[in-house]
Amino acid sequence: MSVHRGPYPEKRRKPEFEITDIPSLLQNHPTIAVLTDAEKNPVVIAEILSSSPLTRNARLVIYVCEQLGYSGEKISEGTPEEIAGMVFSEPNVVIIKT
Protein backbone atom coordinates (compact mmCIF):
# COMPACT_ATOMS: atom_id res chain seq x y z
CA MET A 1 0.00 0.00 0.00
CA SER A 2 1.07 3.59 -0.40
CA VAL A 3 0.61 6.41 2.08
CA HIS A 4 2.99 8.57 0.03
CA ARG A 5 1.11 11.55 -1.32
CA GLY A 6 3.84 13.11 -3.47
CA PRO A 7 5.08 16.68 -3.52
CA TYR A 8 2.33 18.16 -5.70
CA PRO A 9 -1.06 18.51 -3.94
CA GLU A 10 -2.91 19.07 -7.22
CA LYS A 11 -1.72 15.68 -8.51
CA ARG A 12 -2.46 13.67 -5.37
CA ARG A 13 -4.90 10.83 -5.65
CA LYS A 14 -7.08 9.52 -2.87
CA PRO A 15 -5.41 6.36 -1.57
CA GLU A 16 -7.35 3.13 -1.32
CA PHE A 17 -6.27 2.78 2.34
CA GLU A 18 -5.21 5.21 5.04
CA ILE A 19 -2.32 4.73 7.47
CA THR A 20 -4.83 4.02 10.25
CA ASP A 21 -6.12 1.01 8.27
CA ILE A 22 -2.85 -0.91 8.73
CA PRO A 23 -3.87 -2.75 11.95
CA SER A 24 -7.08 -4.05 10.39
CA LEU A 25 -5.31 -4.98 7.14
CA LEU A 26 -2.87 -7.11 9.14
CA GLN A 27 -5.82 -9.20 10.35
CA ASN A 28 -6.19 -10.60 6.79
CA HIS A 29 -2.69 -10.19 5.37
CA PRO A 30 0.39 -11.62 7.13
CA THR A 31 2.75 -9.23 5.35
CA ILE A 32 2.18 -5.64 4.26
CA ALA A 33 4.57 -3.29 2.48
CA VAL A 34 4.00 0.45 2.86
CA LEU A 35 5.49 3.22 0.75
CA THR A 36 5.90 6.10 3.21
CA ASP A 37 6.38 9.85 3.06
CA ALA A 38 7.77 12.48 5.43
CA GLU A 39 4.57 12.77 7.48
CA LYS A 40 3.41 9.16 7.37
CA ASN A 41 6.75 7.64 8.24
CA PRO A 42 7.97 4.45 9.96
CA VAL A 43 7.77 5.99 13.44
CA VAL A 44 4.12 7.00 12.95
CA ILE A 45 3.28 3.53 11.60
CA ALA A 46 5.01 1.89 14.59
CA GLU A 47 3.11 4.12 17.02
CA ILE A 48 -0.21 3.22 15.36
CA LEU A 49 0.61 -0.49 15.61
CA SER A 50 1.67 -0.15 19.26
CA SER A 51 -1.51 1.64 20.26
CA SER A 52 -4.13 -0.26 18.24
CA PRO A 53 -6.14 -2.88 20.16
CA LEU A 54 -5.92 -5.07 17.03
CA THR A 55 -2.11 -5.21 16.98
CA ARG A 56 -0.63 -4.01 20.29
CA ASN A 57 -0.31 -7.59 21.63
CA ALA A 58 0.63 -9.14 18.27
CA ARG A 59 4.14 -10.42 17.58
CA LEU A 60 4.96 -8.04 14.76
CA VAL A 61 8.29 -7.47 13.05
CA ILE A 62 8.86 -4.24 11.13
CA TYR A 63 11.55 -3.82 8.49
CA VAL A 64 12.43 -0.30 7.38
CA CYS A 65 14.23 -0.19 4.03
CA GLU A 66 15.91 3.21 3.68
CA GLN A 67 17.36 4.81 0.56
CA LEU A 68 17.08 1.65 -1.53
CA GLY A 69 19.40 1.78 -4.52
CA TYR A 70 21.50 4.60 -3.06
CA SER A 71 24.89 4.46 -1.34
CA GLY A 72 23.17 5.02 2.03
CA GLU A 73 20.94 1.95 1.64
CA LYS A 74 20.09 0.44 5.02
CA ILE A 75 17.57 -2.07 6.37
CA SER A 76 16.52 -1.93 10.03
CA GLU A 77 14.45 -4.53 11.87
CA GLY A 78 12.52 -4.29 15.13
CA THR A 79 9.29 -4.45 17.04
CA PRO A 80 6.87 -1.54 16.79
CA GLU A 81 8.17 -0.24 20.12
CA GLU A 82 11.79 -0.38 18.93
CA ILE A 83 11.04 1.22 15.55
CA ALA A 84 9.08 4.04 17.24
CA GLY A 85 12.30 5.13 18.95
CA MET A 86 14.46 5.27 15.82
CA VAL A 87 15.18 7.89 13.15
CA PHE A 88 15.07 7.01 9.44
CA SER A 89 16.29 8.52 6.18
CA GLU A 90 14.02 9.07 3.21
CA PRO A 91 12.88 7.62 0.98
CA ASN A 92 11.89 4.44 2.74
CA VAL A 93 9.55 1.48 2.58
CA VAL A 94 8.13 -0.31 5.61
CA ILE A 95 7.45 -4.05 5.62
CA ILE A 96 5.32 -5.42 8.46
CA LYS A 97 5.11 -9.15 9.17
CA THR A 98 2.85 -10.92 11.64
C-alpha atoms as a PDB file:
ATOM      1  CA  MET A   1       0.000   0.000   0.000  1.00  0.00           C
ATOM      2  CA  SER A   2       1.071   3.588  -0.396  1.00  0.00           C
ATOM      3  CA  VAL A   3       0.610   6.413   2.080  1.00  0.00           C
ATOM      4  CA  HIS A   4       2.986   8.567   0.029  1.00  0.00           C
ATOM      5  CA  ARG A   5       1.111  11.548  -1.323  1.00  0.00           C
ATOM      6  CA  GLY A   6       3.837  13.105  -3.470  1.00  0.00           C
ATOM      7  CA  PRO A   7       5.081  16.684  -3.517  1.00  0.00           C
ATOM      8  CA  TYR A   8       2.329  18.165  -5.703  1.00  0.00           C
ATOM      9  CA  PRO A   9      -1.056  18.512  -3.935  1.00  0.00           C
ATOM     10  CA  GLU A  10      -2.912  19.074  -7.223  1.00  0.00           C
ATOM     11  CA  LYS A  11      -1.724  15.683  -8.506  1.00  0.00           C
ATOM     12  CA  ARG A  12      -2.460  13.668  -5.374  1.00  0.00           C
ATOM     13  CA  ARG A  13      -4.895  10.827  -5.649  1.00  0.00           C
ATOM     14  CA  LYS A  14      -7.078   9.523  -2.866  1.00  0.00           C
ATOM     15  CA  PRO A  15      -5.410   6.364  -1.565  1.00  0.00           C
ATOM     16  CA  GLU A  16      -7.347   3.133  -1.315  1.00  0.00           C
ATOM     17  CA  PHE A  17      -6.271   2.780   2.339  1.00  0.00           C
ATOM     18  CA  GLU A  18      -5.211   5.208   5.045  1.00  0.00           C
ATOM     19  CA  ILE A  19      -2.325   4.728   7.465  1.00  0.00           C
ATOM     20  CA  THR A  20      -4.834   4.016  10.252  1.00  0.00           C
ATOM     21  CA  ASP A  21      -6.123   1.007   8.266  1.00  0.00           C
ATOM     22  CA  ILE A  22      -2.852  -0.914   8.726  1.00  0.00           C
ATOM     23  CA  PRO A  23      -3.868  -2.755  11.955  1.00  0.00           C
ATOM     24  CA  SER A  24      -7.084  -4.050  10.390  1.00  0.00           C
ATOM     25  CA  LEU A  25      -5.306  -4.984   7.136  1.00  0.00           C
ATOM     26  CA  LEU A  26      -2.874  -7.113   9.140  1.00  0.00           C
ATOM     27  CA  GLN A  27      -5.822  -9.201  10.346  1.00  0.00           C
ATOM     28  CA  ASN A  28      -6.194 -10.599   6.795  1.00  0.00           C
ATOM     29  CA  HIS A  29      -2.695 -10.185   5.366  1.00  0.00           C
ATOM     30  CA  PRO A  30       0.389 -11.624   7.135  1.00  0.00           C
ATOM     31  CA  THR A  31       2.747  -9.228   5.351  1.00  0.00           C
ATOM     32  CA  ILE A  32       2.178  -5.642   4.258  1.00  0.00           C
ATOM     33  CA  ALA A  33       4.569  -3.290   2.476  1.00  0.00           C
ATOM     34  CA  VAL A  34       4.003   0.447   2.864  1.00  0.00           C
ATOM     35  CA  LEU A  35       5.493   3.223   0.746  1.00  0.00           C
ATOM     36  CA  THR A  36       5.899   6.098   3.212  1.00  0.00           C
ATOM     37  CA  ASP A  37       6.379   9.853   3.061  1.00  0.00           C
ATOM     38  CA  ALA A  38       7.774  12.485   5.434  1.00  0.00           C
ATOM     39  CA  GLU A  39       4.573  12.771   7.481  1.00  0.00           C
ATOM     40  CA  LYS A  40       3.413   9.155   7.368  1.00  0.00           C
ATOM     41  CA  ASN A  41       6.753   7.639   8.241  1.00  0.00           C
ATOM     42  CA  PRO A  42       7.969   4.445   9.960  1.00  0.00           C
ATOM     43  CA  VAL A  43       7.766   5.992  13.444  1.00  0.00           C
ATOM     44  CA  VAL A  44       4.117   7.000  12.949  1.00  0.00           C
ATOM     45  CA  ILE A  45       3.282   3.532  11.603  1.00  0.00           C
ATOM     46  CA  ALA A  46       5.007   1.891  14.588  1.00  0.00           C
ATOM     47  CA  GLU A  47       3.106   4.120  17.018  1.00  0.00           C
ATOM     48  CA  ILE A  48      -0.209   3.222  15.364  1.00  0.00           C
ATOM     49  CA  LEU A  49       0.614  -0.489  15.613  1.00  0.00           C
ATOM     50  CA  SER A  50       1.665  -0.155  19.264  1.00  0.00           C
ATOM     51  CA  SER A  51      -1.515   1.643  20.262  1.00  0.00           C
ATOM     52  CA  SER A  52      -4.130  -0.258  18.242  1.00  0.00           C
ATOM     53  CA  PRO A  53      -6.136  -2.883  20.155  1.00  0.00           C
ATOM     54  CA  LEU A  54      -5.917  -5.067  17.029  1.00  0.00           C
ATOM     55  CA  THR A  55      -2.110  -5.212  16.984  1.00  0.00           C
ATOM     56  CA  ARG A  56      -0.631  -4.010  20.286  1.00  0.00           C
ATOM     57  CA  ASN A  57      -0.308  -7.590  21.625  1.00  0.00           C
ATOM     58  CA  ALA A  58       0.631  -9.137  18.273  1.00  0.00           C
ATOM     59  CA  ARG A  59       4.141 -10.420  17.583  1.00  0.00           C
ATOM     60  CA  LEU A  60       4.958  -8.040  14.756  1.00  0.00           C
ATOM     61  CA  VAL A  61       8.286  -7.466  13.053  1.00  0.00           C
ATOM     62  CA  ILE A  62       8.858  -4.244  11.128  1.00  0.00           C
ATOM     63  CA  TYR A  63      11.552  -3.822   8.495  1.00  0.00           C
ATOM     64  CA  VAL A  64      12.431  -0.304   7.383  1.00  0.00           C
ATOM     65  CA  CYS A  65      14.226  -0.187   4.033  1.00  0.00           C
ATOM     66  CA  GLU A  66      15.911   3.206   3.682  1.00  0.00           C
ATOM     67  CA  GLN A  67      17.356   4.812   0.558  1.00  0.00           C
ATOM     68  CA  LEU A  68      17.076   1.653  -1.530  1.00  0.00           C
ATOM     69  CA  GLY A  69      19.403   1.777  -4.517  1.00  0.00           C
ATOM     70  CA  TYR A  70      21.499   4.604  -3.059  1.00  0.00           C
ATOM     71  CA  SER A  71      24.889   4.463  -1.338  1.00  0.00           C
ATOM     72  CA  GLY A  72      23.174   5.016   2.029  1.00  0.00           C
ATOM     73  CA  GLU A  73      20.940   1.954   1.642  1.00  0.00           C
ATOM     74  CA  LYS A  74      20.089   0.443   5.017  1.00  0.00           C
ATOM     75  CA  ILE A  75      17.567  -2.072   6.370  1.00  0.00           C
ATOM     76  CA  SER A  76      16.525  -1.930  10.032  1.00  0.00           C
ATOM     77  CA  GLU A  77      14.449  -4.529  11.870  1.00  0.00           C
ATOM     78  CA  GLY A  78      12.520  -4.293  15.129  1.00  0.00           C
ATOM     79  CA  THR A  79       9.289  -4.451  17.043  1.00  0.00           C
ATOM     80  CA  PRO A  80       6.866  -1.538  16.791  1.00  0.00           C
ATOM     81  CA  GLU A  81       8.171  -0.239  20.123  1.00  0.00           C
ATOM     82  CA  GLU A  82      11.792  -0.380  18.926  1.00  0.00           C
ATOM     83  CA  ILE A  83      11.045   1.224  15.549  1.00  0.00           C
ATOM     84  CA  ALA A  84       9.080   4.036  17.242  1.00  0.00           C
ATOM     85  CA  GLY A  85      12.301   5.129  18.954  1.00  0.00           C
ATOM     86  CA  MET A  86      14.461   5.268  15.820  1.00  0.00           C
ATOM     87  CA  VAL A  87      15.176   7.894  13.152  1.00  0.00           C
ATOM     88  CA  PHE A  88      15.075   7.013   9.443  1.00  0.00           C
ATOM     89  CA  SER A  89      16.294   8.516   6.176  1.00  0.00           C
ATOM     90  CA  GLU A  90      14.024   9.070   3.213  1.00  0.00           C
ATOM     91  CA  PRO A  91      12.885   7.619   0.981  1.00  0.00           C
ATOM     92  CA  ASN A  92      11.886   4.444   2.744  1.00  0.00           C
ATOM     93  CA  VAL A  93       9.550   1.484   2.584  1.00  0.00           C
ATOM     94  CA  VAL A  94       8.132  -0.314   5.614  1.00  0.00           C
ATOM     95  CA  ILE A  95       7.449  -4.046   5.618  1.00  0.00           C
ATOM     96  CA  ILE A  96       5.318  -5.420   8.459  1.00  0.00           C
ATOM     97  CA  LYS A  97       5.115  -9.154   9.168  1.00  0.00           C
ATOM     98  CA  THR A  98       2.850 -10.916  11.644  1.00  0.00           C
END
